[in-house]
């Protein structure tokens, strides 16, 4: 069997020292395989977002190991780390993090700029991603002109533009009304099913979590339960 796309072994994450020390993760181990959909579920302060940041290589563990396709990520530093993260992962956050007075297309192709892709190829791939999300007619609009649902679809297009193996979605429908949120959910699960993109969703929404192959429950920095979706 192939190595997990992401593997965490006895991961601890500590902030501060002495009286100000806070143990956000207290020894977490899990494997996530290519093509899975996984929900990391927990209340605010449970450690679920810290776990996502460590798995996504946005933060390093204080102790323990995170491996990416079998490689210990502790060996990744500086530009190499940035390149691997940019090429492997796409991110969809509750806050849209779009540059407001820049065009939708320019927002979407930002990861390609960071990767050093040339202007013509950036535009081609950016427009293809917008087409996939049914937003190509909004390419020249400023991000401020979009509805909440259109902004989140733009964010998904930006997450897709580098053809990632994994999408991390942190409360992806948190700022959307229920109808728009349902559309965004469907898009993410379609990408998981049709393109084999591994989907890791951080949420406190039980209904959203129940759509995933697995639910991993985090409390006080520990995994306390794990459930698989009924067939």
C-alpha atoms as a PDB file:
ATOM      1  CA  UNK A   1       0.000   0.000   0.000  1.00  0.00           C
ATOM      2  CA  UNK A   2       1.265   3.480  -0.838  1.00  0.00           C
ATOM      3  CA  UNK A   3       2.535   5.680   1.977  1.00  0.00           C
ATOM      4  CA  UNK A   4      -0.091   8.046   3.375  1.00  0.00           C
ATOM      5  CA  UNK A   5      -0.112  11.440   1.678  1.00  0.00           C
ATOM      6  CA  UNK A   6       0.167  12.945   5.185  1.00  0.00           C
ATOM      7  CA  UNK A   7       1.249  11.137   8.333  1.00  0.00           C
ATOM      8  CA  UNK A   8       1.561  12.633  11.821  1.00  0.00           C
ATOM      9  CA  UNK A   9       3.389  10.724  14.558  1.00  0.00           C
ATOM     10  CA  UNK A  10       3.118  11.820  18.210  1.00  0.00           C
ATOM     11  CA  UNK A  11       2.805  15.504  17.272  1.00  0.00           C
ATOM     12  CA  UNK A  12       2.979  18.064  20.070  1.00  0.00           C
ATOM     13  CA  UNK A  13       2.635  21.835  19.634  1.00  0.00           C
ATOM     14  CA  UNK A  14       3.434  24.181  22.487  1.00  0.00           C
ATOM     15  CA  UNK A  15       3.225  27.966  22.599  1.00  0.00           C
ATOM     16  CA  UNK A  16       4.928  30.152  25.199  1.00  0.00           C
ATOM     17  CA  UNK A  17       7.016  29.189  28.204  1.00  0.00           C
ATOM     18  CA  UNK A  18       6.716  28.877  31.956  1.00  0.00           C
ATOM     19  CA  UNK A  19       3.417  30.183  33.289  1.00  0.00           C
ATOM     20  CA  UNK A  20       2.430  31.282  29.771  1.00  0.00           C
ATOM     21  CA  UNK A  21       2.976  27.826  28.264  1.00  0.00           C
ATOM     22  CA  UNK A  22       0.026  26.416  26.344  1.00  0.00           C
ATOM     23  CA  UNK A  23      -0.012  22.876  24.966  1.00  0.00           C
ATOM     24  CA  UNK A  24      -2.220  23.101  21.861  1.00  0.00           C
ATOM     25  CA  UNK A  25      -1.459  19.531  20.722  1.00  0.00           C
ATOM     26  CA  UNK A  26      -0.487  16.793  23.177  1.00  0.00           C
ATOM     27  CA  UNK A  27       0.620  13.825  21.090  1.00  0.00           C
ATOM     28  CA  UNK A  28      -1.491  13.420  17.966  1.00  0.00           C
ATOM     29  CA  UNK A  29      -0.951  10.582  15.484  1.00  0.00           C
ATOM     30  CA  UNK A  30      -2.938  10.029  12.299  1.00  0.00           C
ATOM     31  CA  UNK A  31      -2.570   8.949   8.665  1.00  0.00           C
ATOM     32  CA  UNK A  32      -4.434  10.506   5.752  1.00  0.00           C
ATOM     33  CA  UNK A  33      -4.413   8.674   2.414  1.00  0.00           C
ATOM     34  CA  UNK A  34      -4.570  10.104  -1.075  1.00  0.00           C
ATOM     35  CA  UNK A  35      -8.167  10.670  -2.213  1.00  0.00           C
ATOM     36  CA  UNK A  36      -9.739  10.573   1.250  1.00  0.00           C
ATOM     37  CA  UNK A  37     -12.085  13.182   2.639  1.00  0.00           C
ATOM     38  CA  UNK A  38     -11.403  13.779   6.325  1.00  0.00           C
ATOM     39  CA  UNK A  39     -13.098  16.117   8.803  1.00  0.00           C
ATOM     40  CA  UNK A  40     -11.178  17.376  11.824  1.00  0.00           C
ATOM     41  CA  UNK A  41     -13.944  18.223  14.279  1.00  0.00           C
ATOM     42  CA  UNK A  42     -13.808  20.117  17.547  1.00  0.00           C
ATOM     43  CA  UNK A  43     -14.957  23.147  19.471  1.00  0.00           C
ATOM     44  CA  UNK A  44     -13.107  26.444  19.468  1.00  0.00           C
ATOM     45  CA  UNK A  45      -9.836  25.981  21.355  1.00  0.00           C
ATOM     46  CA  UNK A  46      -9.795  22.198  20.911  1.00  0.00           C
ATOM     47  CA  UNK A  47      -6.596  22.244  18.849  1.00  0.00           C
ATOM     48  CA  UNK A  48      -8.220  21.430  15.497  1.00  0.00           C
ATOM     49  CA  UNK A  49      -6.903  24.531  13.680  1.00  0.00           C
ATOM     50  CA  UNK A  50      -3.429  24.047  15.172  1.00  0.00           C
ATOM     51  CA  UNK A  51      -3.494  20.471  13.877  1.00  0.00           C
ATOM     52  CA  UNK A  52      -4.444  21.699  10.412  1.00  0.00           C
ATOM     53  CA  UNK A  53      -1.624  24.259  10.424  1.00  0.00           C
ATOM     54  CA  UNK A  54       0.901  21.580  11.371  1.00  0.00           C
ATOM     55  CA  UNK A  55      -0.402  19.052   8.796  1.00  0.00           C
ATOM     56  CA  UNK A  56      -0.356  21.774   6.107  1.00  0.00           C
ATOM     57  CA  UNK A  57       3.251  22.713   6.963  1.00  0.00           C
ATOM     58  CA  UNK A  58       2.171  26.235   7.907  1.00  0.00           C
ATOM     59  CA  UNK A  59       3.615  25.577  11.364  1.00  0.00           C
ATOM     60  CA  UNK A  60       6.167  23.058  12.630  1.00  0.00           C
ATOM     61  CA  UNK A  61       5.554  20.655  15.517  1.00  0.00           C
ATOM     62  CA  UNK A  62       7.327  21.250  18.816  1.00  0.00           C
ATOM     63  CA  UNK A  63       7.805  17.479  19.027  1.00  0.00           C
ATOM     64  CA  UNK A  64       6.969  14.519  16.811  1.00  0.00           C
ATOM     65  CA  UNK A  65       7.021  14.139  13.034  1.00  0.00           C
ATOM     66  CA  UNK A  66       4.902  15.057  10.033  1.00  0.00           C
ATOM     67  CA  UNK A  67       5.649  13.123   6.837  1.00  0.00           C
ATOM     68  CA  UNK A  68       4.467  14.039   3.347  1.00  0.00           C
ATOM     69  CA  UNK A  69       4.215  11.022   1.019  1.00  0.00           C
ATOM     70  CA  UNK A  70       6.693   9.229   3.267  1.00  0.00           C
ATOM     71  CA  UNK A  71       9.215  12.089   3.532  1.00  0.00           C
ATOM     72  CA  UNK A  72       9.977  13.642   6.917  1.00  0.00           C
ATOM     73  CA  UNK A  73       9.041  17.303   6.437  1.00  0.00           C
ATOM     74  CA  UNK A  74      11.565  18.408   9.097  1.00  0.00           C
ATOM     75  CA  UNK A  75      14.113  18.245   6.261  1.00  0.00           C
ATOM     76  CA  UNK A  76      12.241  20.984   4.370  1.00  0.00           C
ATOM     77  CA  UNK A  77      13.426  24.532   5.002  1.00  0.00           C
ATOM     78  CA  UNK A  78      12.992  28.016   3.546  1.00  0.00           C
ATOM     79  CA  UNK A  79      12.303  28.176  -0.179  1.00  0.00           C
ATOM     80  CA  UNK A  80      12.125  24.390  -0.529  1.00  0.00           C
ATOM     81  CA  UNK A  81       9.404  24.227   2.128  1.00  0.00           C
ATOM     82  CA  UNK A  82       7.485  27.066   0.472  1.00  0.00           C
ATOM     83  CA  UNK A  83       7.716  25.376  -2.924  1.00  0.00           C
ATOM     84  CA  UNK A  84       6.546  21.973  -1.655  1.00  0.00           C
ATOM     85  CA  UNK A  85       3.631  23.568   0.237  1.00  0.00           C
ATOM     86  CA  UNK A  86       2.656  25.702  -2.770  1.00  0.00           C
ATOM     87  CA  UNK A  87       2.793  22.752  -5.186  1.00  0.00           C
ATOM     88  CA  UNK A  88       1.084  20.175  -2.955  1.00  0.00           C
ATOM     89  CA  UNK A  89      -1.632  22.055  -1.061  1.00  0.00           C
ATOM     90  CA  UNK A  90      -4.534  24.359  -1.806  1.00  0.00           C
ATOM     91  CA  UNK A  91      -6.244  26.355   0.946  1.00  0.00           C
ATOM     92  CA  UNK A  92      -9.840  27.462   1.452  1.00  0.00           C
ATOM     93  CA  UNK A  93     -10.413  29.525   4.586  1.00  0.00           C
ATOM     94  CA  UNK A  94     -13.511  30.964   6.242  1.00  0.00           C
ATOM     95  CA  UNK A  95     -12.037  34.430   5.680  1.00  0.00           C
ATOM     96  CA  UNK A  96     -11.647  34.817   1.924  1.00  0.00           C
ATOM     97  CA  UNK A  97      -8.215  36.552   1.947  1.00  0.00           C
ATOM     98  CA  UNK A  98      -8.856  38.080  -1.474  1.00  0.00           C
ATOM     99  CA  UNK A  99      -7.098  41.320  -2.401  1.00  0.00           C
ATOM    100  CA  UNK A 100     -10.182  43.549  -2.707  1.00  0.00           C
ATOM    101  CA  UNK A 101      -9.238  46.012  -5.468  1.00  0.00           C
ATOM    102  CA  UNK A 102      -7.498  43.443  -7.646  1.00  0.00           C
ATOM    103  CA  UNK A 103      -9.251  41.473 -10.384  1.00  0.00           C
ATOM    104  CA  UNK A 104     -10.658  38.044  -9.657  1.00  0.00           C
ATOM    105  CA  UNK A 105      -8.219  36.504 -12.148  1.00  0.00           C
ATOM    106  CA  UNK A 106      -5.222  38.170 -10.480  1.00  0.00           C
ATOM    107  CA  UNK A 107      -6.379  36.819  -7.116  1.00  0.00           C
ATOM    108  CA  UNK A 108      -6.751  33.316  -8.514  1.00  0.00           C
ATOM    109  CA  UNK A 109      -3.315  33.176 -10.180  1.00  0.00           C
ATOM    110  CA  UNK A 110      -1.381  34.378  -7.126  1.00  0.00           C
ATOM    111  CA  UNK A 111      -0.038  30.858  -6.274  1.00  0.00           C
ATOM    112  CA  UNK A 112       1.245  30.575  -9.868  1.00  0.00           C
ATOM    113  CA  UNK A 113       3.075  33.904  -9.541  1.00  0.00           C
ATOM    114  CA  UNK A 114       4.689  32.635  -6.350  1.00  0.00           C
ATOM    115  CA  UNK A 115       5.664  29.444  -8.196  1.00  0.00           C
ATOM    116  CA  UNK A 116       7.320  31.466 -10.986  1.00  0.00           C
ATOM    117  CA  UNK A 117       4.927  30.363 -13.747  1.00  0.00           C
ATOM    118  CA  UNK A 118       5.044  32.640 -16.812  1.00  0.00           C
ATOM    119  CA  UNK A 119       2.265  35.185 -17.552  1.00  0.00           C
ATOM    120  CA  UNK A 120       0.655  33.339 -20.494  1.00  0.00           C
ATOM    121  CA  UNK A 121       0.497  29.999 -18.628  1.00  0.00           C
ATOM    122  CA  UNK A 122      -0.749  31.763 -15.484  1.00  0.00           C
ATOM    123  CA  UNK A 123      -3.615  33.272 -17.415  1.00  0.00           C
ATOM    124  CA  UNK A 124      -4.453  29.970 -19.152  1.00  0.00           C
ATOM    125  CA  UNK A 125      -4.564  28.011 -15.902  1.00  0.00           C
ATOM    126  CA  UNK A 126      -6.326  30.801 -14.020  1.00  0.00           C
ATOM    127  CA  UNK A 127      -9.094  31.037 -16.609  1.00  0.00           C
ATOM    128  CA  UNK A 128      -9.423  27.223 -16.668  1.00  0.00           C
ATOM    129  CA  UNK A 129      -9.909  27.203 -12.883  1.00  0.00           C
ATOM    130  CA  UNK A 130     -12.483  30.006 -13.078  1.00  0.00           C
ATOM    131  CA  UNK A 131     -14.281  28.136 -15.878  1.00  0.00           C
ATOM    132  CA  UNK A 132     -14.416  25.036 -13.677  1.00  0.00           C
ATOM    133  CA  UNK A 133     -16.046  27.106 -10.907  1.00  0.00           C
ATOM    134  CA  UNK A 134     -18.401  28.847 -13.401  1.00  0.00           C
ATOM    135  CA  UNK A 135     -16.777  32.229 -12.736  1.00  0.00           C
ATOM    136  CA  UNK A 136     -14.993  32.973 -16.003  1.00  0.00           C
ATOM    137  CA  UNK A 137     -17.401  35.870 -16.674  1.00  0.00           C
ATOM    138  CA  UNK A 138     -16.157  37.499 -13.447  1.00  0.00           C
ATOM    139  CA  UNK A 139     -12.435  37.287 -14.299  1.00  0.00           C
ATOM    140  CA  UNK A 140     -12.035  41.058 -14.797  1.00  0.00           C
ATOM    141  CA  UNK A 141     -14.276  42.077 -11.883  1.00  0.00           C
ATOM    142  CA  UNK A 142     -12.713  43.332  -8.695  1.00  0.00           C
ATOM    143  CA  UNK A 143     -13.010  40.946  -5.771  1.00  0.00           C
ATOM    144  CA  UNK A 144     -15.086  43.547  -3.900  1.00  0.00           C
ATOM    145  CA  UNK A 145     -17.812  43.223  -6.549  1.00  0.00           C
ATOM    146  CA  UNK A 146     -18.507  39.565  -5.765  1.00  0.00           C
ATOM    147  CA  UNK A 147     -21.153  38.014  -3.531  1.00  0.00           C
ATOM    148  CA  UNK A 148     -20.058  35.841  -0.607  1.00  0.00           C
ATOM    149  CA  UNK A 149     -20.609  32.653  -2.574  1.00  0.00           C
ATOM    150  CA  UNK A 150     -18.708  34.004  -5.590  1.00  0.00           C
ATOM    151  CA  UNK A 151     -15.817  35.007  -3.318  1.00  0.00           C
ATOM    152  CA  UNK A 152     -15.631  31.512  -1.863  1.00  0.00           C
ATOM    153  CA  UNK A 153     -15.753  29.972  -5.338  1.00  0.00           C
ATOM    154  CA  UNK A 154     -12.897  32.312  -6.328  1.00  0.00           C
ATOM    155  CA  UNK A 155     -10.956  31.055  -3.322  1.00  0.00           C
ATOM    156  CA  UNK A 156     -11.566  27.454  -4.429  1.00  0.00           C
ATOM    157  CA  UNK A 157     -10.375  28.366  -7.938  1.00  0.00           C
ATOM    158  CA  UNK A 158      -7.204  29.822  -6.383  1.00  0.00           C
ATOM    159  CA  UNK A 159      -6.778  26.615  -4.363  1.00  0.00           C
ATOM    160  CA  UNK A 160      -7.087  24.545  -7.564  1.00  0.00           C
ATOM    161  CA  UNK A 161      -4.880  26.561  -9.874  1.00  0.00           C
ATOM    162  CA  UNK A 162      -1.686  24.726  -8.866  1.00  0.00           C
ATOM    163  CA  UNK A 163      -3.384  21.333  -9.308  1.00  0.00           C
ATOM    164  CA  UNK A 164      -2.873  20.389  -5.645  1.00  0.00           C
ATOM    165  CA  UNK A 165      -2.946  16.884  -4.228  1.00  0.00           C
ATOM    166  CA  UNK A 166      -4.596  18.105  -1.022  1.00  0.00           C
ATOM    167  CA  UNK A 167      -7.103  20.869  -0.240  1.00  0.00           C
ATOM    168  CA  UNK A 168      -7.348  22.124   3.335  1.00  0.00           C
ATOM    169  CA  UNK A 169     -10.670  23.826   4.048  1.00  0.00           C
ATOM    170  CA  UNK A 170     -10.998  25.634   7.391  1.00  0.00           C
ATOM    171  CA  UNK A 171     -14.702  26.296   8.161  1.00  0.00           C
ATOM    172  CA  UNK A 172     -15.236  26.814   4.395  1.00  0.00           C
ATOM    173  CA  UNK A 173     -18.933  27.655   4.715  1.00  0.00           C
ATOM    174  CA  UNK A 174     -18.712  29.625   7.977  1.00  0.00           C
ATOM    175  CA  UNK A 175     -19.360  33.008   6.353  1.00  0.00           C
ATOM    176  CA  UNK A 176     -22.066  31.815   3.954  1.00  0.00           C
ATOM    177  CA  UNK A 177     -25.822  31.387   4.205  1.00  0.00           C
ATOM    178  CA  UNK A 178     -27.000  27.768   4.235  1.00  0.00           C
ATOM    179  CA  UNK A 179     -28.015  27.599   0.551  1.00  0.00           C
ATOM    180  CA  UNK A 180     -24.735  29.108  -0.692  1.00  0.00           C
ATOM    181  CA  UNK A 181     -22.800  26.989   1.794  1.00  0.00           C
ATOM    182  CA  UNK A 182     -24.410  23.832   0.401  1.00  0.00           C
ATOM    183  CA  UNK A 183     -23.237  24.779  -3.125  1.00  0.00           C
ATOM    184  CA  UNK A 184     -19.670  25.325  -1.882  1.00  0.00           C
ATOM    185  CA  UNK A 185     -19.734  21.997  -0.020  1.00  0.00           C
ATOM    186  CA  UNK A 186     -20.885  20.199  -3.169  1.00  0.00           C
ATOM    187  CA  UNK A 187     -18.041  21.758  -5.171  1.00  0.00           C
ATOM    188  CA  UNK A 188     -15.435  20.565  -2.653  1.00  0.00           C
ATOM    189  CA  UNK A 189     -16.812  17.007  -2.498  1.00  0.00           C
ATOM    190  CA  UNK A 190     -17.102  16.858  -6.311  1.00  0.00           C
ATOM    191  CA  UNK A 191     -13.395  17.770  -6.562  1.00  0.00           C
ATOM    192  CA  UNK A 192     -12.592  15.054  -4.049  1.00  0.00           C
ATOM    193  CA  UNK A 193     -14.666  12.428  -5.861  1.00  0.00           C
ATOM    194  CA  UNK A 194     -14.002  13.343  -9.500  1.00  0.00           C
ATOM    195  CA  UNK A 195     -10.367  14.477  -9.359  1.00  0.00           C
ATOM    196  CA  UNK A 196      -9.107  12.414  -6.439  1.00  0.00           C
ATOM    197  CA  UNK A 197      -7.999  15.477  -4.502  1.00  0.00           C
ATOM    198  CA  UNK A 198      -7.577  14.694  -0.810  1.00  0.00           C
ATOM    199  CA  UNK A 199      -9.958  16.909   1.160  1.00  0.00           C
ATOM    200  CA  UNK A 200      -9.258  17.862   4.779  1.00  0.00           C
ATOM    201  CA  UNK A 201     -11.992  19.966   6.364  1.00  0.00           C
ATOM    202  CA  UNK A 202     -11.666  21.644   9.760  1.00  0.00           C
ATOM    203  CA  UNK A 203     -15.131  22.295  11.171  1.00  0.00           C
ATOM    204  CA  UNK A 204     -17.459  22.252  14.141  1.00  0.00           C
ATOM    205  CA  UNK A 205     -20.397  21.583  11.769  1.00  0.00           C
ATOM    206  CA  UNK A 206     -21.532  17.981  12.317  1.00  0.00           C
ATOM    207  CA  UNK A 207     -23.595  17.843   9.113  1.00  0.00           C
ATOM    208  CA  UNK A 208     -20.625  18.909   6.995  1.00  0.00           C
ATOM    209  CA  UNK A 209     -18.310  16.522   8.854  1.00  0.00           C
ATOM    210  CA  UNK A 210     -20.720  13.615   8.286  1.00  0.00           C
ATOM    211  CA  UNK A 211     -20.238  13.930   4.513  1.00  0.00           C
ATOM    212  CA  UNK A 212     -16.550  13.018   4.862  1.00  0.00           C
ATOM    213  CA  UNK A 213     -15.121   9.490   4.706  1.00  0.00           C
ATOM    214  CA  UNK A 214     -13.764   9.935   8.239  1.00  0.00           C
ATOM    215  CA  UNK A 215     -14.394  12.235  11.186  1.00  0.00           C
ATOM    216  CA  UNK A 216     -11.563  12.840  13.630  1.00  0.00           C
ATOM    217  CA  UNK A 217     -12.672  14.453  16.883  1.00  0.00           C
ATOM    218  CA  UNK A 218     -10.186  16.658  18.729  1.00  0.00           C
ATOM    219  CA  UNK A 219     -10.552  17.874  22.302  1.00  0.00           C
ATOM    220  CA  UNK A 220      -7.954  19.527  24.537  1.00  0.00           C
ATOM    221  CA  UNK A 221      -5.197  18.843  22.016  1.00  0.00           C
ATOM    222  CA  UNK A 222      -5.887  15.106  21.673  1.00  0.00           C
ATOM    223  CA  UNK A 223      -7.779  12.877  19.232  1.00  0.00           C
ATOM    224  CA  UNK A 224     -10.635  11.529  21.339  1.00  0.00           C
ATOM    225  CA  UNK A 225     -12.683   9.677  18.720  1.00  0.00           C
ATOM    226  CA  UNK A 226     -12.666   8.643  15.079  1.00  0.00           C
ATOM    227  CA  UNK A 227     -15.679   7.641  13.004  1.00  0.00           C
ATOM    228  CA  UNK A 228     -15.970   6.331   9.461  1.00  0.00           C
ATOM    229  CA  UNK A 229     -18.911   7.253   7.292  1.00  0.00           C
ATOM    230  CA  UNK A 230     -21.488   4.507   7.004  1.00  0.00           C
ATOM    231  CA  UNK A 231     -21.374   2.838   3.595  1.00  0.00           C
END
